[in-house]
């Protein structure tokens, strides 16, 4: 059980780098891949231990946390140069929105 929780907890880290089993720095793992890996592991744990087991609940909580990180990342993505211009100059004719 401890080894499974350690692996899933490692997946939940939101930093760019994680550590592998030897403690060395591993390469960057994209968030989408971490989500997929966490889902696969949560499914495996649910199949092995049962849907209502505490280990399964922890694994699915990690999936939910990763999904919320992805959602926050999408809402805070940098805006285009035009969007920034419109925010900085709301009176500019390009920034005006007309209801017709």
PDB file of N, CA and C in Angstrom:
ATOM      1  N   UNK A   1       0.825  -1.195   0.000  1.00  0.00           N
ATOM      2  CA  UNK A   1       0.000   0.000   0.000  1.00  0.00           C
ATOM      3  C   UNK A   1       0.865   1.253   0.000  1.00  0.00           C
ATOM      4  N   UNK A   2       1.908   1.286   0.796  1.00  0.00           N
ATOM      5  CA  UNK A   2       2.730   2.493   0.890  1.00  0.00           C
ATOM      6  C   UNK A   2       3.384   2.826  -0.438  1.00  0.00           C
ATOM      7  N   UNK A   3       3.815   1.807  -1.180  1.00  0.00           N
ATOM      8  CA  UNK A   3       4.466   2.064  -2.455  1.00  0.00           C
ATOM      9  C   UNK A   3       3.466   2.658  -3.452  1.00  0.00           C
ATOM     10  N   UNK A   4       2.238   2.174  -3.476  1.00  0.00           N
ATOM     11  CA  UNK A   4       1.218   2.706  -4.383  1.00  0.00           C
ATOM     12  C   UNK A   4       0.919   4.155  -4.043  1.00  0.00           C
ATOM     13  N   UNK A   5       0.746   4.468  -2.778  1.00  0.00           N
ATOM     14  CA  UNK A   5       0.446   5.843  -2.391  1.00  0.00           C
ATOM     15  C   UNK A   5       1.612   6.770  -2.714  1.00  0.00           C
ATOM     16  N   UNK A   6       2.831   6.287  -2.574  1.00  0.00           N
ATOM     17  CA  UNK A   6       3.985   7.116  -2.894  1.00  0.00           C
ATOM     18  C   UNK A   6       4.009   7.445  -4.378  1.00  0.00           C
ATOM     19  N   UNK A   7       3.726   6.478  -5.220  1.00  0.00           N
ATOM     20  CA  UNK A   7       3.705   6.740  -6.658  1.00  0.00           C
ATOM     21  C   UNK A   7       2.594   7.705  -7.031  1.00  0.00           C
ATOM     22  N   UNK A   8       1.401   7.535  -6.473  1.00  0.00           N
ATOM     23  CA  UNK A   8       0.302   8.431  -6.811  1.00  0.00           C
ATOM     24  C   UNK A   8       0.540   9.824  -6.251  1.00  0.00           C
ATOM     25  N   UNK A   9       1.132   9.896  -5.094  1.00  0.00           N
ATOM     26  CA  UNK A   9       1.437  11.214  -4.544  1.00  0.00           C
ATOM     27  C   UNK A   9       2.468  11.926  -5.409  1.00  0.00           C
ATOM     28  N   UNK A  10       3.412  11.178  -5.956  1.00  0.00           N
ATOM     29  CA  UNK A  10       4.404  11.767  -6.845  1.00  0.00           C
ATOM     30  C   UNK A  10       3.729  12.312  -8.104  1.00  0.00           C
ATOM     31  N   UNK A  11       2.703  11.629  -8.593  1.00  0.00           N
ATOM     32  CA  UNK A  11       1.972  12.104  -9.762  1.00  0.00           C
ATOM     33  C   UNK A  11       1.246  13.408  -9.472  1.00  0.00           C
ATOM     34  N   UNK A  12       0.839  13.608  -8.226  1.00  0.00           N
ATOM     35  CA  UNK A  12       0.064  14.791  -7.879  1.00  0.00           C
ATOM     36  C   UNK A  12       0.910  16.047  -7.776  1.00  0.00           C
ATOM     37  N   UNK A  13       2.220  15.909  -7.734  1.00  0.00           N
ATOM     38  CA  UNK A  13       3.071  17.096  -7.645  1.00  0.00           C
ATOM     39  C   UNK A  13       2.861  17.955  -8.877  1.00  0.00           C
ATOM     40  N   UNK A  14       2.724  19.243  -8.675  1.00  0.00           N
ATOM     41  CA  UNK A  14       2.440  20.133  -9.794  1.00  0.00           C
ATOM     42  C   UNK A  14       3.675  20.825 -10.322  1.00  0.00           C
ATOM     43  N   UNK A  15       4.825  20.547  -9.747  1.00  0.00           N
ATOM     44  CA  UNK A  15       6.059  21.153 -10.242  1.00  0.00           C
ATOM     45  C   UNK A  15       6.471  20.548 -11.572  1.00  0.00           C
ATOM     46  N   UNK A  16       7.419  21.171 -12.228  1.00  0.00           N
ATOM     47  CA  UNK A  16       7.884  20.692 -13.521  1.00  0.00           C
ATOM     48  C   UNK A  16       8.737  19.440 -13.407  1.00  0.00           C
ATOM     49  N   UNK A  17       9.351  19.204 -12.265  1.00  0.00           N
ATOM     50  CA  UNK A  17      10.238  18.066 -12.119  1.00  0.00           C
ATOM     51  C   UNK A  17       9.794  17.232 -10.942  1.00  0.00           C
ATOM     52  N   UNK A  18       9.971  15.927 -11.049  1.00  0.00           N
ATOM     53  CA  UNK A  18       9.687  15.010  -9.967  1.00  0.00           C
ATOM     54  C   UNK A  18      10.933  14.218  -9.666  1.00  0.00           C
ATOM     55  N   UNK A  19      10.832  13.275  -8.750  1.00  0.00           N
ATOM     56  CA  UNK A  19      11.970  12.424  -8.469  1.00  0.00           C
ATOM     57  C   UNK A  19      11.589  11.000  -8.793  1.00  0.00           C
ATOM     58  N   UNK A  20      12.540  10.230  -9.285  1.00  0.00           N
ATOM     59  CA  UNK A  20      12.270   8.831  -9.554  1.00  0.00           C
ATOM     60  C   UNK A  20      12.607   8.014  -8.318  1.00  0.00           C
ATOM     61  N   UNK A  21      12.533   6.686  -8.429  1.00  0.00           N
ATOM     62  CA  UNK A  21      12.713   5.841  -7.251  1.00  0.00           C
ATOM     63  C   UNK A  21      14.121   5.922  -6.675  1.00  0.00           C
ATOM     64  N   UNK A  22      15.119   6.315  -7.463  1.00  0.00           N
ATOM     65  CA  UNK A  22      16.471   6.443  -6.946  1.00  0.00           C
ATOM     66  C   UNK A  22      16.709   7.813  -6.317  1.00  0.00           C
ATOM     67  N   UNK A  23      15.726   8.721  -6.390  1.00  0.00           N
ATOM     68  CA  UNK A  23      15.883  10.038  -5.804  1.00  0.00           C
ATOM     69  C   UNK A  23      16.487  11.041  -6.759  1.00  0.00           C
ATOM     70  N   UNK A  24      16.802  10.645  -7.994  1.00  0.00           N
ATOM     71  CA  UNK A  24      17.357  11.565  -8.977  1.00  0.00           C
ATOM     72  C   UNK A  24      16.252  12.388  -9.609  1.00  0.00           C
ATOM     73  N   UNK A  25      16.626  13.528 -10.152  1.00  0.00           N
ATOM     74  CA  UNK A  25      15.648  14.355 -10.839  1.00  0.00           C
ATOM     75  C   UNK A  25      15.244  13.661 -12.136  1.00  0.00           C
ATOM     76  N   UNK A  26      13.936  13.533 -12.378  1.00  0.00           N
ATOM     77  CA  UNK A  26      13.470  12.946 -13.626  1.00  0.00           C
ATOM     78  C   UNK A  26      13.136  14.056 -14.604  1.00  0.00           C
ATOM     79  N   UNK A  27      12.901  13.693 -15.844  1.00  0.00           N
ATOM     80  CA  UNK A  27      12.597  14.694 -16.854  1.00  0.00           C
ATOM     81  C   UNK A  27      11.170  15.201 -16.684  1.00  0.00           C
ATOM     82  N   UNK A  28      10.863  16.275 -17.361  1.00  0.00           N
ATOM     83  CA  UNK A  28       9.563  16.926 -17.294  1.00  0.00           C
ATOM     84  C   UNK A  28       8.472  15.984 -17.796  1.00  0.00           C
ATOM     85  N   UNK A  29       7.373  15.889 -17.044  1.00  0.00           N
ATOM     86  CA  UNK A  29       6.221  15.099 -17.461  1.00  0.00           C
ATOM     87  C   UNK A  29       5.064  16.061 -17.668  1.00  0.00           C
ATOM     88  N   UNK A  30       4.522  16.149 -18.878  1.00  0.00           N
ATOM     89  CA  UNK A  30       3.415  17.076 -19.133  1.00  0.00           C
ATOM     90  C   UNK A  30       2.213  16.741 -18.253  1.00  0.00           C
ATOM     91  N   UNK A  31       1.449  17.760 -17.920  1.00  0.00           N
ATOM     92  CA  UNK A  31       0.298  17.601 -17.041  1.00  0.00           C
ATOM     93  C   UNK A  31      -0.717  16.623 -17.625  1.00  0.00           C
ATOM     94  N   UNK A  32      -0.945  16.677 -18.921  1.00  0.00           N
ATOM     95  CA  UNK A  32      -1.913  15.764 -19.536  1.00  0.00           C
ATOM     96  C   UNK A  32      -1.481  14.303 -19.365  1.00  0.00           C
ATOM     97  N   UNK A  33      -0.183  14.046 -19.463  1.00  0.00           N
ATOM     98  CA  UNK A  33       0.314  12.688 -19.269  1.00  0.00           C
ATOM     99  C   UNK A  33       0.198  12.278 -17.806  1.00  0.00           C
ATOM    100  N   UNK A  34       0.475  13.194 -16.894  1.00  0.00           N
ATOM    101  CA  UNK A  34       0.326  12.888 -15.466  1.00  0.00           C
ATOM    102  C   UNK A  34      -1.119  12.559 -15.133  1.00  0.00           C
ATOM    103  N   UNK A  35      -2.068  13.281 -15.753  1.00  0.00           N
ATOM    104  CA  UNK A  35      -3.488  13.000 -15.516  1.00  0.00           C
ATOM    105  C   UNK A  35      -3.828  11.600 -16.015  1.00  0.00           C
ATOM    106  N   UNK A  36      -3.379  11.271 -17.207  1.00  0.00           N
ATOM    107  CA  UNK A  36      -3.642   9.949 -17.779  1.00  0.00           C
ATOM    108  C   UNK A  36      -3.032   8.850 -16.918  1.00  0.00           C
ATOM    109  N   UNK A  37      -1.796   9.057 -16.447  1.00  0.00           N
ATOM    110  CA  UNK A  37      -1.137   8.068 -15.592  1.00  0.00           C
ATOM    111  C   UNK A  37      -1.894   7.904 -14.274  1.00  0.00           C
ATOM    112  N   UNK A  38      -2.342   9.018 -13.701  1.00  0.00           N
ATOM    113  CA  UNK A  38      -3.078   8.956 -12.438  1.00  0.00           C
ATOM    114  C   UNK A  38      -4.413   8.242 -12.630  1.00  0.00           C
ATOM    115  N   UNK A  39      -5.083   8.481 -13.752  1.00  0.00           N
ATOM    116  CA  UNK A  39      -6.347   7.779 -14.042  1.00  0.00           C
ATOM    117  C   UNK A  39      -6.112   6.282 -14.158  1.00  0.00           C
ATOM    118  N   UNK A  40      -5.080   5.905 -14.907  1.00  0.00           N
ATOM    119  CA  UNK A  40      -4.777   4.479 -15.073  1.00  0.00           C
ATOM    120  C   UNK A  40      -4.491   3.822 -13.727  1.00  0.00           C
ATOM    121  N   UNK A  41      -3.717   4.513 -12.911  1.00  0.00           N
ATOM    122  CA  UNK A  41      -3.386   3.953 -11.605  1.00  0.00           C
ATOM    123  C   UNK A  41      -4.616   3.885 -10.705  1.00  0.00           C
ATOM    124  N   UNK A  42      -5.470   4.898 -10.758  1.00  0.00           N
ATOM    125  CA  UNK A  42      -6.690   4.879  -9.945  1.00  0.00           C
ATOM    126  C   UNK A  42      -7.612   3.743 -10.378  1.00  0.00           C
ATOM    127  N   UNK A  43      -7.710   3.514 -11.676  1.00  0.00           N
ATOM    128  CA  UNK A  43      -8.524   2.392 -12.168  1.00  0.00           C
ATOM    129  C   UNK A  43      -7.959   1.062 -11.685  1.00  0.00           C
ATOM    130  N   UNK A  44      -6.635   0.931 -11.746  1.00  0.00           N
ATOM    131  CA  UNK A  44      -5.995  -0.311 -11.301  1.00  0.00           C
ATOM    132  C   UNK A  44      -6.211  -0.533  -9.811  1.00  0.00           C
ATOM    133  N   UNK A  45      -6.081   0.509  -9.024  1.00  0.00           N
ATOM    134  CA  UNK A  45      -6.287   0.396  -7.579  1.00  0.00           C
ATOM    135  C   UNK A  45      -7.734   0.051  -7.281  1.00  0.00           C
ATOM    136  N   UNK A  46      -8.679   0.691  -7.991  1.00  0.00           N
ATOM    137  CA  UNK A  46     -10.097   0.407  -7.771  1.00  0.00           C
ATOM    138  C   UNK A  46     -10.423  -1.040  -8.129  1.00  0.00           C
ATOM    139  N   UNK A  47      -9.798  -1.558  -9.174  1.00  0.00           N
ATOM    140  CA  UNK A  47     -10.024  -2.947  -9.567  1.00  0.00           C
ATOM    141  C   UNK A  47      -9.431  -3.906  -8.544  1.00  0.00           C
ATOM    142  N   UNK A  48      -8.240  -3.578  -8.069  1.00  0.00           N
ATOM    143  CA  UNK A  48      -7.539  -4.461  -7.134  1.00  0.00           C
ATOM    144  C   UNK A  48      -8.120  -4.394  -5.722  1.00  0.00           C
ATOM    145  N   UNK A  49      -8.319  -3.206  -5.208  1.00  0.00           N
ATOM    146  CA  UNK A  49      -8.714  -3.024  -3.801  1.00  0.00           C
ATOM    147  C   UNK A  49     -10.215  -2.837  -3.612  1.00  0.00           C
ATOM    148  N   UNK A  50     -10.908  -2.488  -4.686  1.00  0.00           N
ATOM    149  CA  UNK A  50     -12.342  -2.223  -4.574  1.00  0.00           C
ATOM    150  C   UNK A  50     -12.614  -0.733  -4.692  1.00  0.00           C
ATOM    151  N   UNK A  51     -13.779  -0.417  -5.214  1.00  0.00           N
ATOM    152  CA  UNK A  51     -14.139   0.975  -5.477  1.00  0.00           C
ATOM    153  C   UNK A  51     -14.222   1.791  -4.196  1.00  0.00           C
ATOM    154  N   UNK A  52     -14.683   1.184  -3.113  1.00  0.00           N
ATOM    155  CA  UNK A  52     -14.890   1.933  -1.877  1.00  0.00           C
ATOM    156  C   UNK A  52     -13.713   1.864  -0.909  1.00  0.00           C
ATOM    157  N   UNK A  53     -12.578   1.379  -1.358  1.00  0.00           N
ATOM    158  CA  UNK A  53     -11.407   1.287  -0.478  1.00  0.00           C
ATOM    159  C   UNK A  53     -10.788   2.668  -0.266  1.00  0.00           C
ATOM    160  N   UNK A  54     -10.128   2.872   0.857  1.00  0.00           N
ATOM    161  CA  UNK A  54      -9.452   4.157   1.100  1.00  0.00           C
ATOM    162  C   UNK A  54      -8.365   4.453   0.066  1.00  0.00           C
ATOM    163  N   UNK A  55      -7.654   3.423  -0.385  1.00  0.00           N
ATOM    164  CA  UNK A  55      -6.620   3.624  -1.394  1.00  0.00           C
ATOM    165  C   UNK A  55      -7.214   4.129  -2.702  1.00  0.00           C
ATOM    166  N   UNK A  56      -8.363   3.584  -3.062  1.00  0.00           N
ATOM    167  CA  UNK A  56      -9.043   4.022  -4.281  1.00  0.00           C
ATOM    168  C   UNK A  56      -9.501   5.470  -4.148  1.00  0.00           C
ATOM    169  N   UNK A  57     -10.016   5.828  -2.989  1.00  0.00           N
ATOM    170  CA  UNK A  57     -10.468   7.207  -2.761  1.00  0.00           C
ATOM    171  C   UNK A  57      -9.299   8.186  -2.882  1.00  0.00           C
ATOM    172  N   UNK A  58      -8.157   7.818  -2.324  1.00  0.00           N
ATOM    173  CA  UNK A  58      -6.979   8.683  -2.403  1.00  0.00           C
ATOM    174  C   UNK A  58      -6.532   8.836  -3.854  1.00  0.00           C
ATOM    175  N   UNK A  59      -6.514   7.726  -4.579  1.00  0.00           N
ATOM    176  CA  UNK A  59      -6.074   7.767  -5.979  1.00  0.00           C
ATOM    177  C   UNK A  59      -7.005   8.649  -6.810  1.00  0.00           C
ATOM    178  N   UNK A  60      -8.310   8.541  -6.608  1.00  0.00           N
ATOM    179  CA  UNK A  60      -9.248   9.369  -7.375  1.00  0.00           C
ATOM    180  C   UNK A  60      -9.200  10.826  -6.929  1.00  0.00           C
ATOM    181  N   UNK A  61      -8.892  11.081  -5.657  1.00  0.00           N
ATOM    182  CA  UNK A  61      -8.706  12.464  -5.200  1.00  0.00           C
ATOM    183  C   UNK A  61      -7.519  13.102  -5.921  1.00  0.00           C
ATOM    184  N   UNK A  62      -6.480  12.333  -6.137  1.00  0.00           N
ATOM    185  CA  UNK A  62      -5.308  12.846  -6.845  1.00  0.00           C
ATOM    186  C   UNK A  62      -5.665  13.174  -8.288  1.00  0.00           C
ATOM    187  N   UNK A  63      -6.468  12.318  -8.920  1.00  0.00           N
ATOM    188  CA  UNK A  63      -6.920  12.603 -10.288  1.00  0.00           C
ATOM    189  C   UNK A  63      -7.711  13.913 -10.307  1.00  0.00           C
ATOM    190  N   UNK A  64      -8.607  14.088  -9.345  1.00  0.00           N
ATOM    191  CA  UNK A  64      -9.397  15.321  -9.281  1.00  0.00           C
ATOM    192  C   UNK A  64      -8.514  16.546  -9.077  1.00  0.00           C
ATOM    193  N   UNK A  65      -7.498  16.428  -8.237  1.00  0.00           N
ATOM    194  CA  UNK A  65      -6.587  17.550  -8.009  1.00  0.00           C
ATOM    195  C   UNK A  65      -5.830  17.908  -9.291  1.00  0.00           C
ATOM    196  N   UNK A  66      -5.365  16.910 -10.001  1.00  0.00           N
ATOM    197  CA  UNK A  66      -4.659  17.169 -11.258  1.00  0.00           C
ATOM    198  C   UNK A  66      -5.584  17.820 -12.284  1.00  0.00           C
ATOM    199  N   UNK A  67      -6.839  17.368 -12.330  1.00  0.00           N
ATOM    200  CA  UNK A  67      -7.802  17.980 -13.249  1.00  0.00           C
ATOM    201  C   UNK A  67      -8.087  19.433 -12.871  1.00  0.00           C
ATOM    202  N   UNK A  68      -8.137  19.729 -11.577  1.00  0.00           N
ATOM    203  CA  UNK A  68      -8.371  21.116 -11.167  1.00  0.00           C
ATOM    204  C   UNK A  68      -7.158  21.993 -11.485  1.00  0.00           C
ATOM    205  N   UNK A  69      -5.961  21.436 -11.373  1.00  0.00           N
ATOM    206  CA  UNK A  69      -4.755  22.179 -11.771  1.00  0.00           C
ATOM    207  C   UNK A  69      -4.814  22.495 -13.261  1.00  0.00           C
ATOM    208  N   UNK A  70      -5.229  21.516 -14.065  1.00  0.00           N
ATOM    209  CA  UNK A  70      -5.338  21.727 -15.513  1.00  0.00           C
ATOM    210  C   UNK A  70      -6.385  22.791 -15.826  1.00  0.00           C
ATOM    211  N   UNK A  71      -7.497  22.788 -15.093  1.00  0.00           N
ATOM    212  CA  UNK A  71      -8.544  23.789 -15.331  1.00  0.00           C
ATOM    213  C   UNK A  71      -8.062  25.188 -14.966  1.00  0.00           C
ATOM    214  N   UNK A  72      -7.368  25.307 -13.836  1.00  0.00           N
ATOM    215  CA  UNK A  72      -6.829  26.615 -13.443  1.00  0.00           C
ATOM    216  C   UNK A  72      -5.798  27.100 -14.458  1.00  0.00           C
ATOM    217  N   UNK A  73      -5.007  26.175 -14.963  1.00  0.00           N
ATOM    218  CA  UNK A  73      -3.985  26.536 -15.939  1.00  0.00           C
ATOM    219  C   UNK A  73      -4.625  27.067 -17.225  1.00  0.00           C
ATOM    220  N   UNK A  74      -5.741  26.456 -17.636  1.00  0.00           N
ATOM    221  CA  UNK A  74      -6.432  26.918 -18.846  1.00  0.00           C
ATOM    222  C   UNK A  74      -7.015  28.312 -18.652  1.00  0.00           C
ATOM    223  N   UNK A  75      -7.520  28.626 -17.462  1.00  0.00           N
ATOM    224  CA  UNK A  75      -8.133  29.932 -17.244  1.00  0.00           C
ATOM    225  C   UNK A  75      -7.095  31.030 -17.080  1.00  0.00           C
ATOM    226  N   UNK A  76      -5.866  30.667 -16.707  1.00  0.00           N
ATOM    227  CA  UNK A  76      -4.827  31.671 -16.487  1.00  0.00           C
ATOM    228  C   UNK A  76      -3.772  31.690 -17.580  1.00  0.00           C
ATOM    229  N   UNK A  77      -4.086  31.106 -18.725  1.00  0.00           N
ATOM    230  CA  UNK A  77      -3.115  31.118 -19.813  1.00  0.00           C
ATOM    231  C   UNK A  77      -2.874  32.542 -20.277  1.00  0.00           C
ATOM    232  N   UNK A  78      -1.675  32.821 -20.738  1.00  0.00           N
ATOM    233  CA  UNK A  78      -1.385  34.185 -21.196  1.00  0.00           C
ATOM    234  C   UNK A  78      -2.283  34.575 -22.363  1.00  0.00           C
ATOM    235  N   UNK A  79      -2.689  35.803 -22.335  1.00  0.00           N
ATOM    236  CA  UNK A  79      -3.561  36.318 -23.382  1.00  0.00           C
ATOM    237  C   UNK A  79      -2.730  36.695 -24.604  1.00  0.00           C
ATOM    238  N   UNK A  80      -3.414  36.785 -25.741  1.00  0.00           N
ATOM    239  CA  UNK A  80      -2.729  37.177 -26.964  1.00  0.00           C
ATOM    240  C   UNK A  80      -2.354  38.655 -26.872  1.00  0.00           C
ATOM    241  N   UNK A  81      -1.497  39.088 -27.763  1.00  0.00           N
ATOM    242  CA  UNK A  81      -1.079  40.492 -27.782  1.00  0.00           C
ATOM    243  C   UNK A  81      -2.284  41.409 -28.005  1.00  0.00           C
ATOM    244  N   UNK A  82      -3.216  40.989 -28.853  1.00  0.00           N
ATOM    245  CA  UNK A  82      -4.401  41.803 -29.109  1.00  0.00           C
ATOM    246  C   UNK A  82      -5.267  41.919 -27.863  1.00  0.00           C
ATOM    247  N   UNK A  83      -5.468  40.823 -27.141  1.00  0.00           N
ATOM    248  CA  UNK A  83      -6.264  40.873 -25.910  1.00  0.00           C
ATOM    249  C   UNK A  83      -5.613  41.769 -24.867  1.00  0.00           C
ATOM    250  N   UNK A  84      -4.279  41.674 -24.739  1.00  0.00           N
ATOM    251  CA  UNK A  84      -3.578  42.566 -23.792  1.00  0.00           C
ATOM    252  C   UNK A  84      -3.735  44.022 -24.202  1.00  0.00           C
ATOM    253  N   UNK A  85      -3.647  44.308 -25.508  1.00  0.00           N
ATOM    254  CA  UNK A  85      -3.819  45.673 -26.009  1.00  0.00           C
ATOM    255  C   UNK A  85      -5.216  46.185 -25.664  1.00  0.00           C
ATOM    256  N   UNK A  86      -6.218  45.352 -25.859  1.00  0.00           N
ATOM    257  CA  UNK A  86      -7.595  45.754 -25.566  1.00  0.00           C
ATOM    258  C   UNK A  86      -7.793  46.025 -24.076  1.00  0.00           C
ATOM    259  N   UNK A  87      -7.144  45.223 -23.232  1.00  0.00           N
ATOM    260  CA  UNK A  87      -7.246  45.461 -21.793  1.00  0.00           C
ATOM    261  C   UNK A  87      -6.535  46.751 -21.386  1.00  0.00           C
ATOM    262  N   UNK A  88      -5.408  47.037 -22.014  1.00  0.00           N
ATOM    263  CA  UNK A  88      -4.642  48.240 -21.679  1.00  0.00           C
ATOM    264  C   UNK A  88      -5.270  49.502 -22.254  1.00  0.00           C
ATOM    265  N   UNK A  89      -5.969  49.377 -23.370  1.00  0.00           N
ATOM    266  CA  UNK A  89      -6.568  50.528 -24.061  1.00  0.00           C
ATOM    267  C   UNK A  89      -8.050  50.264 -24.339  1.00  0.00           C
ATOM    268  N   UNK A  90      -8.878  50.291 -23.296  1.00  0.00           N
ATOM    269  CA  UNK A  90     -10.294  49.955 -23.496  1.00  0.00           C
ATOM    270  C   UNK A  90     -11.044  50.959 -24.375  1.00  0.00           C
ATOM    271  N   UNK A  91     -10.527  52.172 -24.537  1.00  0.00           N
ATOM    272  CA  UNK A  91     -11.210  53.167 -25.372  1.00  0.00           C
ATOM    273  C   UNK A  91     -10.814  53.086 -26.841  1.00  0.00           C
ATOM    274  N   UNK A  92      -9.867  52.255 -27.178  1.00  0.00           N
ATOM    275  CA  UNK A  92      -9.456  52.105 -28.567  1.00  0.00           C
ATOM    276  C   UNK A  92     -10.596  51.507 -29.383  1.00  0.00           C
ATOM    277  N   UNK A  93     -10.691  51.909 -30.645  1.00  0.00           N
ATOM    278  CA  UNK A  93     -11.800  51.413 -31.478  1.00  0.00           C
ATOM    279  C   UNK A  93     -11.727  49.900 -31.666  1.00  0.00           C
ATOM    280  N   UNK A  94     -10.530  49.346 -31.664  1.00  0.00           N
ATOM    281  CA  UNK A  94     -10.382  47.892 -31.834  1.00  0.00           C
ATOM    282  C   UNK A  94     -10.912  47.133 -30.625  1.00  0.00           C
ATOM    283  N   UNK A  95     -10.918  47.783 -29.454  1.00  0.00           N
ATOM    284  CA  UNK A  95     -11.306  47.131 -28.220  1.00  0.00           C
ATOM    285  C   UNK A  95     -12.800  47.216 -27.948  1.00  0.00           C
ATOM    286  N   UNK A  96     -13.510  47.962 -28.719  1.00  0.00           N
ATOM    287  CA  UNK A  96     -14.945  48.150 -28.476  1.00  0.00           C
ATOM    288  C   UNK A  96     -15.736  46.949 -28.993  1.00  0.00           C
ATOM    289  N   UNK A  97     -16.742  46.614 -28.236  1.00  0.00           N
ATOM    290  CA  UNK A  97     -17.657  45.542 -28.622  1.00  0.00           C
ATOM    291  C   UNK A  97     -19.039  46.153 -28.766  1.00  0.00           C
ATOM    292  N   UNK A  98     -19.640  45.907 -29.904  1.00  0.00           N
ATOM    293  CA  UNK A  98     -20.943  46.494 -30.187  1.00  0.00           C
ATOM    294  C   UNK A  98     -22.011  45.404 -30.212  1.00  0.00           C
ATOM    295  N   UNK A  99     -23.129  45.691 -29.560  1.00  0.00           N
ATOM    296  CA  UNK A  99     -24.291  44.809 -29.637  1.00  0.00           C
ATOM    297  C   UNK A  99     -25.176  45.329 -30.748  1.00  0.00           C
ATOM    298  N   UNK A 100     -25.464  44.485 -31.698  1.00  0.00           N
ATOM    299  CA  UNK A 100     -26.285  44.903 -32.837  1.00  0.00           C
ATOM    300  C   UNK A 100     -27.656  44.320 -32.744  1.00  0.00           C
TER     301      UNK A 100
END
